[in-house]
Amino acid sequence: MKSIFQRCVLSVALLLAMVSTSQAQSFPTRPIRIVVPFPPGGSADLLARALGEKLTTSMGQPVVVDNKPGAGGIAGADFVAKSNPDGHTLLFANTNIAINPSLYDKLPYDTSTALAPVLLLAYVPSLIMVSEKTPANTIQELIALAKSKPESLNYASAGSGTFPHLAIELFKMQAGISIAHIPYKGAAPALNALLAGDVQVLCNDMLTGSQYVKSGKLRALAYTGSTRAPTLPQIPTMAEAGLKDYVAVGWQGIMTPSGTPAAVVERLNIEFNKALTDPALRHSLTSQGLVLSGGTPKQFADYISQDTERWRAVVKTSGAKAD
């Protein structure tokens, strides 16, 4: 009896393996949709479209970008989480995947079970910047200014609970300073507030922030990555500026609905990794401040887990709340 049972289990396993292999060989059978849970024009949208062009050629089916903004990325993530798990609907995920579970009391999906990682595409380091009116040329001078005039400084963010908000909260925690938070409805209004001198400090991604630093309209005091940015090598890291434990790096990656066949996930992983090796694409993206990654689904899953714990501590200590 046991032998018959074992043979049945083995037969089912072989059948599933054959089905999975067949799915991977025939995949994709129709256009692939990459859902970007943010408005067009941002770094996520630009990277998704650049990769979509490469995959359209390599996979033999159109790869289209579908922007579904709303609720800090939750609307787009929920749409993908509830889509057919066949590999034709993908989520262009970012750091919000790691932040939102701590920020919201309840999400319409369970991040750890509803979405499956494909690969980490890129890290998105940022700049800690100040306006021309702010009398600080280094991070240490900004810390000294904040300590000498408590509550006199404020900083902008793209909204409560966003990465730029929590990155400054982490800075405040490690520096032992108090700077008032002024949330705006998006990264562009926050950046405009800094340019106008309405706020003194902002954490902004390299893609949009570096152009104002290079033109002299804003001053970058530090880079939030672990090593200096090749495009702004004169800007020290936060560790070099005196906060040795500070690293705050956003990220972008690809996820699918859970239940997507393993062979299909593997095919997607191979194709996206291959696209990231294209010299022209790499040059275009790295010149904008992105640090390209790649890797396996397991490596991406581990990174999401670590990042979720990192931001959980910041959300709890800062008392950050979603808008």
C-alpha atoms as a PDB file:
ATOM      1  CA  MET A   1       0.000   0.000   0.000  1.00  0.00           C
ATOM      2  CA  LYS A   2       2.800   2.367   0.921  1.00  0.00           C
ATOM      3  CA  SER A   3       4.579   1.589  -2.324  1.00  0.00           C
ATOM      4  CA  ILE A   4       1.453   2.405  -4.347  1.00  0.00           C
ATOM      5  CA  PHE A   5       1.047   5.683  -2.430  1.00  0.00           C
ATOM      6  CA  GLN A   6       4.677   6.628  -3.064  1.00  0.00           C
ATOM      7  CA  ARG A   7       4.298   5.874  -6.769  1.00  0.00           C
ATOM      8  CA  CYS A   8       1.176   8.061  -6.908  1.00  0.00           C
ATOM      9  CA  VAL A   9       2.979  10.959  -5.201  1.00  0.00           C
ATOM     10  CA  LEU A  10       5.914  10.609  -7.596  1.00  0.00           C
ATOM     11  CA  SER A  11       3.568  10.514 -10.600  1.00  0.00           C
ATOM     12  CA  VAL A  12       1.784  13.693  -9.473  1.00  0.00           C
ATOM     13  CA  ALA A  13       5.117  15.449  -8.893  1.00  0.00           C
ATOM     14  CA  LEU A  14       6.341  14.476 -12.363  1.00  0.00           C
ATOM     15  CA  LEU A  15       3.060  15.614 -13.924  1.00  0.00           C
ATOM     16  CA  LEU A  16       3.282  18.993 -12.183  1.00  0.00           C
ATOM     17  CA  ALA A  17       6.885  19.385 -13.308  1.00  0.00           C
ATOM     18  CA  MET A  18       5.879  18.617 -16.911  1.00  0.00           C
ATOM     19  CA  VAL A  19       3.014  21.130 -16.745  1.00  0.00           C
ATOM     20  CA  SER A  20       5.316  23.789 -15.255  1.00  0.00           C
ATOM     21  CA  THR A  21       7.936  23.203 -17.950  1.00  0.00           C
ATOM     22  CA  SER A  22       5.283  23.368 -20.667  1.00  0.00           C
ATOM     23  CA  GLN A  23       3.957  26.655 -19.265  1.00  0.00           C
ATOM     24  CA  ALA A  24       7.438  28.171 -19.259  1.00  0.00           C
ATOM     25  CA  GLN A  25       8.102  27.068 -22.850  1.00  0.00           C
ATOM     26  CA  SER A  26       4.850  28.560 -24.147  1.00  0.00           C
ATOM     27  CA  PHE A  27       5.030  31.704 -21.973  1.00  0.00           C
ATOM     28  CA  PRO A  28       4.171  34.437 -22.796  1.00  0.00           C
ATOM     29  CA  THR A  29       1.065  33.799 -24.861  1.00  0.00           C
ATOM     30  CA  ARG A  30      -0.157  37.407 -24.891  1.00  0.00           C
ATOM     31  CA  PRO A  31       1.118  40.908 -23.974  1.00  0.00           C
ATOM     32  CA  ILE A  32       2.738  41.310 -20.561  1.00  0.00           C
ATOM     33  CA  ARG A  33       1.552  44.182 -18.395  1.00  0.00           C
ATOM     34  CA  ILE A  34       3.887  45.870 -15.903  1.00  0.00           C
ATOM     35  CA  VAL A  35       1.772  47.726 -13.362  1.00  0.00           C
ATOM     36  CA  VAL A  36       3.548  50.820 -12.029  1.00  0.00           C
ATOM     37  CA  PRO A  37       1.664  51.974  -8.903  1.00  0.00           C
ATOM     38  CA  PHE A  38       2.698  55.609  -9.415  1.00  0.00           C
ATOM     39  CA  PRO A  39       1.977  58.382 -11.935  1.00  0.00           C
ATOM     40  CA  PRO A  40       3.892  58.572 -15.229  1.00  0.00           C
ATOM     41  CA  GLY A  41       7.195  60.425 -15.367  1.00  0.00           C
ATOM     42  CA  GLY A  42       8.881  59.266 -12.172  1.00  0.00           C
ATOM     43  CA  SER A  43      11.968  57.067 -11.865  1.00  0.00           C
ATOM     44  CA  ALA A  44       9.849  53.905 -11.527  1.00  0.00           C
ATOM     45  CA  ASP A  45       7.899  54.709 -14.686  1.00  0.00           C
ATOM     46  CA  LEU A  46      11.050  55.494 -16.683  1.00  0.00           C
ATOM     47  CA  LEU A  47      12.820  52.289 -15.638  1.00  0.00           C
ATOM     48  CA  ALA A  48       9.732  50.151 -16.292  1.00  0.00           C
ATOM     49  CA  ARG A  49       9.349  51.551 -19.811  1.00  0.00           C
ATOM     50  CA  ALA A  50      13.049  51.117 -20.618  1.00  0.00           C
ATOM     51  CA  LEU A  51      12.960  47.491 -19.495  1.00  0.00           C
ATOM     52  CA  GLY A  52       9.648  46.908 -21.269  1.00  0.00           C
ATOM     53  CA  GLU A  53      11.239  47.827 -24.585  1.00  0.00           C
ATOM     54  CA  LYS A  54      14.016  45.269 -24.055  1.00  0.00           C
ATOM     55  CA  LEU A  55      11.632  42.486 -23.015  1.00  0.00           C
ATOM     56  CA  THR A  56       9.314  43.151 -25.934  1.00  0.00           C
ATOM     57  CA  THR A  57      12.171  42.144 -28.215  1.00  0.00           C
ATOM     58  CA  SER A  58      13.470  39.208 -26.189  1.00  0.00           C
ATOM     59  CA  MET A  59      10.114  37.638 -25.264  1.00  0.00           C
ATOM     60  CA  GLY A  60       8.272  38.045 -28.540  1.00  0.00           C
ATOM     61  CA  GLN A  61       5.222  39.749 -27.013  1.00  0.00           C
ATOM     62  CA  PRO A  62       4.510  43.427 -26.292  1.00  0.00           C
ATOM     63  CA  VAL A  63       5.422  44.485 -22.750  1.00  0.00           C
ATOM     64  CA  VAL A  64       3.279  47.462 -21.777  1.00  0.00           C
ATOM     65  CA  VAL A  65       3.378  49.764 -18.757  1.00  0.00           C
ATOM     66  CA  ASP A  66       0.118  50.435 -16.935  1.00  0.00           C
ATOM     67  CA  ASN A  67       0.201  53.258 -14.362  1.00  0.00           C
ATOM     68  CA  LYS A  68      -2.172  52.661 -11.442  1.00  0.00           C
ATOM     69  CA  PRO A  69      -1.303  55.283  -8.795  1.00  0.00           C
ATOM     70  CA  GLY A  70      -2.993  55.634  -5.445  1.00  0.00           C
ATOM     71  CA  ALA A  71      -2.644  55.114  -1.691  1.00  0.00           C
ATOM     72  CA  GLY A  72       1.134  54.967  -1.558  1.00  0.00           C
ATOM     73  CA  GLY A  73       1.374  52.197  -4.125  1.00  0.00           C
ATOM     74  CA  ILE A  74      -1.303  50.063  -2.469  1.00  0.00           C
ATOM     75  CA  ALA A  75      -3.838  50.362  -5.320  1.00  0.00           C
ATOM     76  CA  GLY A  76      -1.460  48.994  -7.936  1.00  0.00           C
ATOM     77  CA  ALA A  77      -0.075  46.290  -5.650  1.00  0.00           C
ATOM     78  CA  ASP A  78      -3.581  45.135  -4.756  1.00  0.00           C
ATOM     79  CA  PHE A  79      -4.531  44.947  -8.436  1.00  0.00           C
ATOM     80  CA  VAL A  80      -1.557  42.705  -9.193  1.00  0.00           C
ATOM     81  CA  ALA A  81      -1.998  40.594  -6.057  1.00  0.00           C
ATOM     82  CA  LYS A  82      -5.533  39.724  -7.211  1.00  0.00           C
ATOM     83  CA  SER A  83      -4.622  39.142 -10.867  1.00  0.00           C
ATOM     84  CA  ASN A  84      -4.384  35.793 -12.610  1.00  0.00           C
ATOM     85  CA  PRO A  85      -1.041  34.231 -11.490  1.00  0.00           C
ATOM     86  CA  ASP A  86       0.186  33.329 -14.954  1.00  0.00           C
ATOM     87  CA  GLY A  87       3.088  35.766 -15.328  1.00  0.00           C
ATOM     88  CA  HIS A  88       1.317  38.169 -17.686  1.00  0.00           C
ATOM     89  CA  THR A  89       0.626  40.789 -14.983  1.00  0.00           C
ATOM     90  CA  LEU A  90       3.638  42.070 -13.054  1.00  0.00           C
ATOM     91  CA  LEU A  91       4.098  44.636 -10.306  1.00  0.00           C
ATOM     92  CA  PHE A  92       6.839  47.225 -10.542  1.00  0.00           C
ATOM     93  CA  ALA A  93       7.414  47.222  -6.799  1.00  0.00           C
ATOM     94  CA  ASN A  94       9.413  49.664  -4.733  1.00  0.00           C
ATOM     95  CA  THR A  95      10.345  50.416  -1.131  1.00  0.00           C
ATOM     96  CA  ASN A  96       6.681  50.927  -0.195  1.00  0.00           C
ATOM     97  CA  ILE A  97       6.312  47.137  -0.232  1.00  0.00           C
ATOM     98  CA  ALA A  98       8.617  47.086   2.818  1.00  0.00           C
ATOM     99  CA  ILE A  99       7.193  50.230   4.470  1.00  0.00           C
ATOM    100  CA  ASN A 100       3.421  49.804   4.108  1.00  0.00           C
ATOM    101  CA  PRO A 101       2.959  46.724   6.355  1.00  0.00           C
ATOM    102  CA  SER A 102       4.174  48.819   9.316  1.00  0.00           C
ATOM    103  CA  LEU A 103       2.498  52.043   8.247  1.00  0.00           C
ATOM    104  CA  TYR A 104      -1.041  50.741   7.790  1.00  0.00           C
ATOM    105  CA  ASP A 105      -3.099  48.853  10.340  1.00  0.00           C
ATOM    106  CA  LYS A 106      -4.578  46.774   7.536  1.00  0.00           C
ATOM    107  CA  LEU A 107      -3.774  46.258   3.861  1.00  0.00           C
ATOM    108  CA  PRO A 108      -6.161  44.730   1.291  1.00  0.00           C
ATOM    109  CA  TYR A 109      -3.582  41.999   0.710  1.00  0.00           C
ATOM    110  CA  ASP A 110      -0.872  40.219   2.709  1.00  0.00           C
ATOM    111  CA  THR A 111       2.433  41.282   1.176  1.00  0.00           C
ATOM    112  CA  SER A 112       4.243  38.151   2.328  1.00  0.00           C
ATOM    113  CA  THR A 113       1.718  35.737   0.810  1.00  0.00           C
ATOM    114  CA  ALA A 114      -0.055  37.584  -2.025  1.00  0.00           C
ATOM    115  CA  LEU A 115       2.998  38.680  -4.001  1.00  0.00           C
ATOM    116  CA  ALA A 116       6.032  36.688  -5.130  1.00  0.00           C
ATOM    117  CA  PRO A 117       9.443  38.260  -5.862  1.00  0.00           C
ATOM    118  CA  VAL A 118      11.067  37.939  -9.283  1.00  0.00           C
ATOM    119  CA  LEU A 119      14.173  40.096  -8.917  1.00  0.00           C
ATOM    120  CA  LEU A 120      15.556  43.284  -7.408  1.00  0.00           C
ATOM    121  CA  LEU A 121      16.136  45.644 -10.324  1.00  0.00           C
ATOM    122  CA  ALA A 122      17.898  48.613  -8.780  1.00  0.00           C
ATOM    123  CA  TYR A 123      18.731  50.545  -5.656  1.00  0.00           C
ATOM    124  CA  VAL A 124      17.654  54.192  -5.578  1.00  0.00           C
ATOM    125  CA  PRO A 125      19.895  56.220  -3.255  1.00  0.00           C
ATOM    126  CA  SER A 126      18.951  59.782  -2.441  1.00  0.00           C
ATOM    127  CA  LEU A 127      20.467  63.105  -1.450  1.00  0.00           C
ATOM    128  CA  ILE A 128      19.975  65.055   1.747  1.00  0.00           C
ATOM    129  CA  MET A 129      19.587  68.561   0.349  1.00  0.00           C
ATOM    130  CA  VAL A 130      19.096  72.055   1.712  1.00  0.00           C
ATOM    131  CA  SER A 131      17.893  75.303   0.171  1.00  0.00           C
ATOM    132  CA  GLU A 132      20.224  78.168  -0.666  1.00  0.00           C
ATOM    133  CA  LYS A 133      18.797  80.058   2.335  1.00  0.00           C
ATOM    134  CA  THR A 134      19.801  77.351   4.830  1.00  0.00           C
ATOM    135  CA  PRO A 135      23.099  78.273   6.558  1.00  0.00           C
ATOM    136  CA  ALA A 136      24.620  74.786   6.470  1.00  0.00           C
ATOM    137  CA  ASN A 137      27.187  73.372   4.068  1.00  0.00           C
ATOM    138  CA  THR A 138      27.713  69.996   5.725  1.00  0.00           C
ATOM    139  CA  ILE A 139      25.622  67.472   7.629  1.00  0.00           C
ATOM    140  CA  GLN A 140      27.446  68.360  10.831  1.00  0.00           C
ATOM    141  CA  GLU A 141      26.650  72.052  10.321  1.00  0.00           C
ATOM    142  CA  LEU A 142      22.989  71.148   9.780  1.00  0.00           C
ATOM    143  CA  ILE A 143      22.982  69.080  12.972  1.00  0.00           C
ATOM    144  CA  ALA A 144      24.597  71.947  14.883  1.00  0.00           C
ATOM    145  CA  LEU A 145      22.048  74.394  13.479  1.00  0.00           C
ATOM    146  CA  ALA A 146      19.157  72.141  14.489  1.00  0.00           C
ATOM    147  CA  LYS A 147      20.537  71.748  18.004  1.00  0.00           C
ATOM    148  CA  SER A 148      21.217  75.458  18.454  1.00  0.00           C
ATOM    149  CA  LYS A 149      17.731  76.430  17.269  1.00  0.00           C
ATOM    150  CA  PRO A 150      15.336  73.633  18.226  1.00  0.00           C
ATOM    151  CA  GLU A 151      12.139  73.521  16.150  1.00  0.00           C
ATOM    152  CA  SER A 152      13.405  76.311  13.879  1.00  0.00           C
ATOM    153  CA  LEU A 153      13.995  74.026  10.890  1.00  0.00           C
ATOM    154  CA  ASN A 154      11.497  72.082   8.840  1.00  0.00           C
ATOM    155  CA  TYR A 155      11.695  69.534   6.087  1.00  0.00           C
ATOM    156  CA  ALA A 156       9.451  68.559   3.227  1.00  0.00           C
ATOM    157  CA  SER A 157       8.427  65.094   2.105  1.00  0.00           C
ATOM    158  CA  ALA A 158       6.299  63.530  -0.616  1.00  0.00           C
ATOM    159  CA  GLY A 159       3.740  62.628   2.070  1.00  0.00           C
ATOM    160  CA  SER A 160       3.518  61.043   5.498  1.00  0.00           C
ATOM    161  CA  GLY A 161       4.966  57.554   5.544  1.00  0.00           C
ATOM    162  CA  THR A 162       6.803  57.885   2.236  1.00  0.00           C
ATOM    163  CA  PHE A 163      10.459  56.978   1.858  1.00  0.00           C
ATOM    164  CA  PRO A 164      11.627  60.652   1.886  1.00  0.00           C
ATOM    165  CA  HIS A 165       9.720  61.165   5.142  1.00  0.00           C
ATOM    166  CA  LEU A 166      11.171  58.112   6.886  1.00  0.00           C
ATOM    167  CA  ALA A 167      14.684  58.755   5.560  1.00  0.00           C
ATOM    168  CA  ILE A 168      14.744  62.122   7.356  1.00  0.00           C
ATOM    169  CA  GLU A 169      13.170  60.588  10.458  1.00  0.00           C
ATOM    170  CA  LEU A 170      16.018  58.066  10.516  1.00  0.00           C
ATOM    171  CA  PHE A 171      18.474  60.966  10.201  1.00  0.00           C
ATOM    172  CA  LYS A 172      16.805  62.769  13.112  1.00  0.00           C
ATOM    173  CA  MET A 173      16.915  59.641  15.264  1.00  0.00           C
ATOM    174  CA  GLN A 174      20.597  59.017  14.657  1.00  0.00           C
ATOM    175  CA  ALA A 175      21.622  62.681  14.923  1.00  0.00           C
ATOM    176  CA  GLY A 176      19.494  63.391  17.992  1.00  0.00           C
ATOM    177  CA  ILE A 177      17.853  66.467  16.504  1.00  0.00           C
ATOM    178  CA  SER A 178      14.353  67.843  15.980  1.00  0.00           C
ATOM    179  CA  ILE A 179      13.200  69.100  12.566  1.00  0.00           C
ATOM    180  CA  ALA A 180       9.512  69.671  11.863  1.00  0.00           C
ATOM    181  CA  HIS A 181       7.882  67.627   9.112  1.00  0.00           C
ATOM    182  CA  ILE A 182       5.787  69.272   6.401  1.00  0.00           C
ATOM    183  CA  PRO A 183       4.195  66.653   4.120  1.00  0.00           C
ATOM    184  CA  TYR A 184       3.284  67.547   0.541  1.00  0.00           C
ATOM    185  CA  LYS A 185       1.145  65.678  -1.959  1.00  0.00           C
ATOM    186  CA  GLY A 186       3.954  64.228  -4.018  1.00  0.00           C
ATOM    187  CA  ALA A 187       7.671  64.553  -4.639  1.00  0.00           C
ATOM    188  CA  ALA A 188       7.383  67.449  -7.112  1.00  0.00           C
ATOM    189  CA  PRO A 189       5.576  69.851  -4.715  1.00  0.00           C
ATOM    190  CA  ALA A 190       8.065  68.961  -1.964  1.00  0.00           C
ATOM    191  CA  LEU A 191      10.990  69.724  -4.242  1.00  0.00           C
ATOM    192  CA  ASN A 192       9.398  73.003  -5.332  1.00  0.00           C
ATOM    193  CA  ALA A 193       8.976  73.984  -1.678  1.00  0.00           C
ATOM    194  CA  LEU A 194      12.699  73.499  -1.103  1.00  0.00           C
ATOM    195  CA  LEU A 195      13.589  75.456  -4.237  1.00  0.00           C
ATOM    196  CA  ALA A 196      11.359  78.310  -3.048  1.00  0.00           C
ATOM    197  CA  GLY A 197      12.934  78.270   0.413  1.00  0.00           C
ATOM    198  CA  ASP A 198       9.622  77.463   2.092  1.00  0.00           C
ATOM    199  CA  VAL A 199      11.350  74.506   3.801  1.00  0.00           C
ATOM    200  CA  GLN A 200      14.995  74.014   4.684  1.00  0.00           C
ATOM    201  CA  VAL A 201      15.662  70.292   4.179  1.00  0.00           C
ATOM    202  CA  LEU A 202      14.580  67.491   1.831  1.00  0.00           C
ATOM    203  CA  CYS A 203      15.572  63.929   1.052  1.00  0.00           C
ATOM    204  CA  ASN A 204      15.166  63.500  -2.696  1.00  0.00           C
ATOM    205  CA  ASP A 205      16.095  60.764  -5.160  1.00  0.00           C
ATOM    206  CA  MET A 206      19.136  61.224  -7.362  1.00  0.00           C
ATOM    207  CA  LEU A 207      17.134  61.238 -10.589  1.00  0.00           C
ATOM    208  CA  THR A 208      15.433  64.574  -9.970  1.00  0.00           C
ATOM    209  CA  GLY A 209      17.603  66.013  -7.198  1.00  0.00           C
ATOM    210  CA  SER A 210      21.035  65.907  -8.814  1.00  0.00           C
ATOM    211  CA  GLN A 211      20.151  68.310 -11.644  1.00  0.00           C
ATOM    212  CA  TYR A 212      19.422  71.094  -9.127  1.00  0.00           C
ATOM    213  CA  VAL A 213      22.629  70.355  -7.243  1.00  0.00           C
ATOM    214  CA  LYS A 214      24.687  70.512 -10.434  1.00  0.00           C
ATOM    215  CA  SER A 215      23.034  73.802 -11.418  1.00  0.00           C
ATOM    216  CA  GLY A 216      23.749  75.287  -7.980  1.00  0.00           C
ATOM    217  CA  LYS A 217      20.097  75.867  -7.100  1.00  0.00           C
ATOM    218  CA  LEU A 218      20.295  73.452  -4.136  1.00  0.00           C
ATOM    219  CA  ARG A 219      23.083  72.121  -1.939  1.00  0.00           C
ATOM    220  CA  ALA A 220      23.544  68.403  -1.375  1.00  0.00           C
ATOM    221  CA  LEU A 221      25.031  67.738   2.050  1.00  0.00           C
ATOM    222  CA  ALA A 222      25.212  63.963   1.840  1.00  0.00           C
ATOM    223  CA  TYR A 223      24.385  60.871  -0.175  1.00  0.00           C
ATOM    224  CA  THR A 224      22.251  58.205   1.482  1.00  0.00           C
ATOM    225  CA  GLY A 225      23.942  55.180  -0.118  1.00  0.00           C
ATOM    226  CA  SER A 226      26.827  53.202   1.353  1.00  0.00           C
ATOM    227  CA  THR A 227      29.379  54.421  -1.226  1.00  0.00           C
ATOM    228  CA  ARG A 228      29.654  57.724  -3.091  1.00  0.00           C
ATOM    229  CA  ALA A 229      27.596  58.275  -6.220  1.00  0.00           C
ATOM    230  CA  PRO A 230      29.660  58.155  -9.452  1.00  0.00           C
ATOM    231  CA  THR A 231      27.587  61.029 -10.849  1.00  0.00           C
ATOM    232  CA  LEU A 232      28.270  63.266  -7.805  1.00  0.00           C
ATOM    233  CA  PRO A 233      31.564  61.950  -6.399  1.00  0.00           C
ATOM    234  CA  GLN A 234      32.192  65.142  -4.415  1.00  0.00           C
ATOM    235  CA  ILE A 235      29.194  64.499  -2.144  1.00  0.00           C
ATOM    236  CA  PRO A 236      30.067  62.437   0.975  1.00  0.00           C
ATOM    237  CA  THR A 237      27.980  59.549   2.194  1.00  0.00           C
ATOM    238  CA  MET A 238      26.112  59.985   5.466  1.00  0.00           C
ATOM    239  CA  ALA A 239      28.665  57.663   7.077  1.00  0.00           C
ATOM    240  CA  GLU A 240      31.516  59.871   5.873  1.00  0.00           C
ATOM    241  CA  ALA A 241      29.577  62.902   7.127  1.00  0.00           C
ATOM    242  CA  GLY A 242      29.620  61.482  10.656  1.00  0.00           C
ATOM    243  CA  LEU A 243      26.572  59.199  10.916  1.00  0.00           C
ATOM    244  CA  LYS A 244      28.376  55.880  10.545  1.00  0.00           C
ATOM    245  CA  ASP A 245      25.272  53.671  10.813  1.00  0.00           C
ATOM    246  CA  TYR A 246      23.099  55.633   8.407  1.00  0.00           C
ATOM    247  CA  VAL A 247      22.036  54.034   5.131  1.00  0.00           C
ATOM    248  CA  ALA A 248      18.642  54.777   3.570  1.00  0.00           C
ATOM    249  CA  VAL A 249      18.268  53.404   0.087  1.00  0.00           C
ATOM    250  CA  GLY A 250      15.091  52.969  -1.886  1.00  0.00           C
ATOM    251  CA  TRP A 251      14.710  50.130  -4.360  1.00  0.00           C
ATOM    252  CA  GLN A 252      12.720  48.952  -7.349  1.00  0.00           C
ATOM    253  CA  GLY A 253      11.921  45.394  -8.355  1.00  0.00           C
ATOM    254  CA  ILE A 254       9.529  43.050 -10.114  1.00  0.00           C
ATOM    255  CA  MET A 255       6.906  40.912  -8.371  1.00  0.00           C
ATOM    256  CA  THR A 256       4.121  38.611  -9.553  1.00  0.00           C
ATOM    257  CA  PRO A 257       0.932  37.335  -7.954  1.00  0.00           C
ATOM    258  CA  SER A 258       1.685  34.411  -5.647  1.00  0.00           C
ATOM    259  CA  GLY A 259       0.945  31.097  -7.305  1.00  0.00           C
ATOM    260  CA  THR A 260       2.676  32.020 -10.556  1.00  0.00           C
ATOM    261  CA  PRO A 261       4.355  28.806 -11.789  1.00  0.00           C
ATOM    262  CA  ALA A 262       7.981  28.566 -10.674  1.00  0.00           C
ATOM    263  CA  ALA A 263       9.167  27.975 -14.235  1.00  0.00           C
ATOM    264  CA  VAL A 264       7.435  31.169 -15.402  1.00  0.00           C
ATOM    265  CA  VAL A 265       9.013  33.156 -12.552  1.00  0.00           C
ATOM    266  CA  GLU A 266      12.380  31.700 -13.534  1.00  0.00           C
ATOM    267  CA  ARG A 267      11.860  32.722 -17.171  1.00  0.00           C
ATOM    268  CA  LEU A 268      10.948  36.255 -16.125  1.00  0.00           C
ATOM    269  CA  ASN A 269      13.949  36.402 -13.822  1.00  0.00           C
ATOM    270  CA  ILE A 270      16.273  35.354 -16.654  1.00  0.00           C
ATOM    271  CA  GLU A 271      14.814  37.882 -19.093  1.00  0.00           C
ATOM    272  CA  PHE A 272      14.937  40.846 -16.678  1.00  0.00           C
ATOM    273  CA  ASN A 273      18.481  39.957 -15.604  1.00  0.00           C
ATOM    274  CA  LYS A 274      19.502  39.802 -19.257  1.00  0.00           C
ATOM    275  CA  ALA A 275      17.916  43.190 -19.954  1.00  0.00           C
ATOM    276  CA  LEU A 276      19.932  44.742 -17.110  1.00  0.00           C
ATOM    277  CA  THR A 277      23.181  43.711 -18.830  1.00  0.00           C
ATOM    278  CA  ASP A 278      22.458  45.799 -21.938  1.00  0.00           C
ATOM    279  CA  PRO A 279      25.313  48.382 -22.104  1.00  0.00           C
ATOM    280  CA  ALA A 280      23.198  51.235 -23.458  1.00  0.00           C
ATOM    281  CA  LEU A 281      20.453  50.650 -20.897  1.00  0.00           C
ATOM    282  CA  ARG A 282      22.953  50.391 -18.055  1.00  0.00           C
ATOM    283  CA  HIS A 283      24.614  53.648 -19.068  1.00  0.00           C
ATOM    284  CA  SER A 284      21.288  55.446 -19.372  1.00  0.00           C
ATOM    285  CA  LEU A 285      20.044  54.291 -15.961  1.00  0.00           C
ATOM    286  CA  THR A 286      23.270  54.596 -13.957  1.00  0.00           C
ATOM    287  CA  SER A 287      23.810  58.117 -15.295  1.00  0.00           C
ATOM    288  CA  GLN A 288      20.514  58.987 -13.600  1.00  0.00           C
ATOM    289  CA  GLY A 289      21.758  57.739 -10.221  1.00  0.00           C
ATOM    290  CA  LEU A 290      20.277  54.236 -10.170  1.00  0.00           C
ATOM    291  CA  VAL A 291      22.462  51.399  -8.892  1.00  0.00           C
ATOM    292  CA  LEU A 292      21.478  48.354 -10.947  1.00  0.00           C
ATOM    293  CA  SER A 293      21.171  45.034  -9.169  1.00  0.00           C
ATOM    294  CA  GLY A 294      19.636  41.824 -10.559  1.00  0.00           C
ATOM    295  CA  GLY A 295      19.873  38.420  -8.873  1.00  0.00           C
ATOM    296  CA  THR A 296      17.539  35.594  -7.902  1.00  0.00           C
ATOM    297  CA  PRO A 297      13.985  35.593  -6.527  1.00  0.00           C
ATOM    298  CA  LYS A 298      15.358  34.212  -3.223  1.00  0.00           C
ATOM    299  CA  GLN A 299      17.848  37.072  -2.894  1.00  0.00           C
ATOM    300  CA  PHE A 300      15.068  39.580  -3.536  1.00  0.00           C
ATOM    301  CA  ALA A 301      12.796  37.891  -0.988  1.00  0.00           C
ATOM    302  CA  ASP A 302      15.532  38.055   1.639  1.00  0.00           C
ATOM    303  CA  TYR A 303      16.161  41.735   0.903  1.00  0.00           C
ATOM    304  CA  ILE A 304      12.463  42.612   1.219  1.00  0.00           C
ATOM    305  CA  SER A 305      12.349  40.822   4.576  1.00  0.00           C
ATOM    306  CA  GLN A 306      15.373  42.741   5.886  1.00  0.00           C
ATOM    307  CA  ASP A 307      14.091  46.073   4.568  1.00  0.00           C
ATOM    308  CA  THR A 308      10.670  45.483   6.127  1.00  0.00           C
ATOM    309  CA  GLU A 309      12.285  45.099   9.545  1.00  0.00           C
ATOM    310  CA  ARG A 310      14.486  48.162   9.004  1.00  0.00           C
ATOM    311  CA  TRP A 311      11.548  50.453   8.251  1.00  0.00           C
ATOM    312  CA  ARG A 312       9.314  48.884  10.890  1.00  0.00           C
ATOM    313  CA  ALA A 313      11.730  50.201  13.530  1.00  0.00           C
ATOM    314  CA  VAL A 314      11.736  53.705  12.005  1.00  0.00           C
ATOM    315  CA  VAL A 315       7.932  53.824  11.711  1.00  0.00           C
ATOM    316  CA  LYS A 316       7.524  52.696  15.315  1.00  0.00           C
ATOM    317  CA  THR A 317      10.091  55.097  16.780  1.00  0.00           C
ATOM    318  CA  SER A 318       9.013  58.119  14.731  1.00  0.00           C
ATOM    319  CA  GLY A 319       5.286  57.472  15.137  1.00  0.00           C
ATOM    320  CA  ALA A 320       4.820  57.981  11.390  1.00  0.00           C
ATOM    321  CA  LYS A 321       1.263  57.697  10.105  1.00  0.00           C
ATOM    322  CA  ALA A 322      -0.075  57.403   6.580  1.00  0.00           C
ATOM    323  CA  ASP A 323      -1.938  60.363   5.085  1.00  0.00           C
END
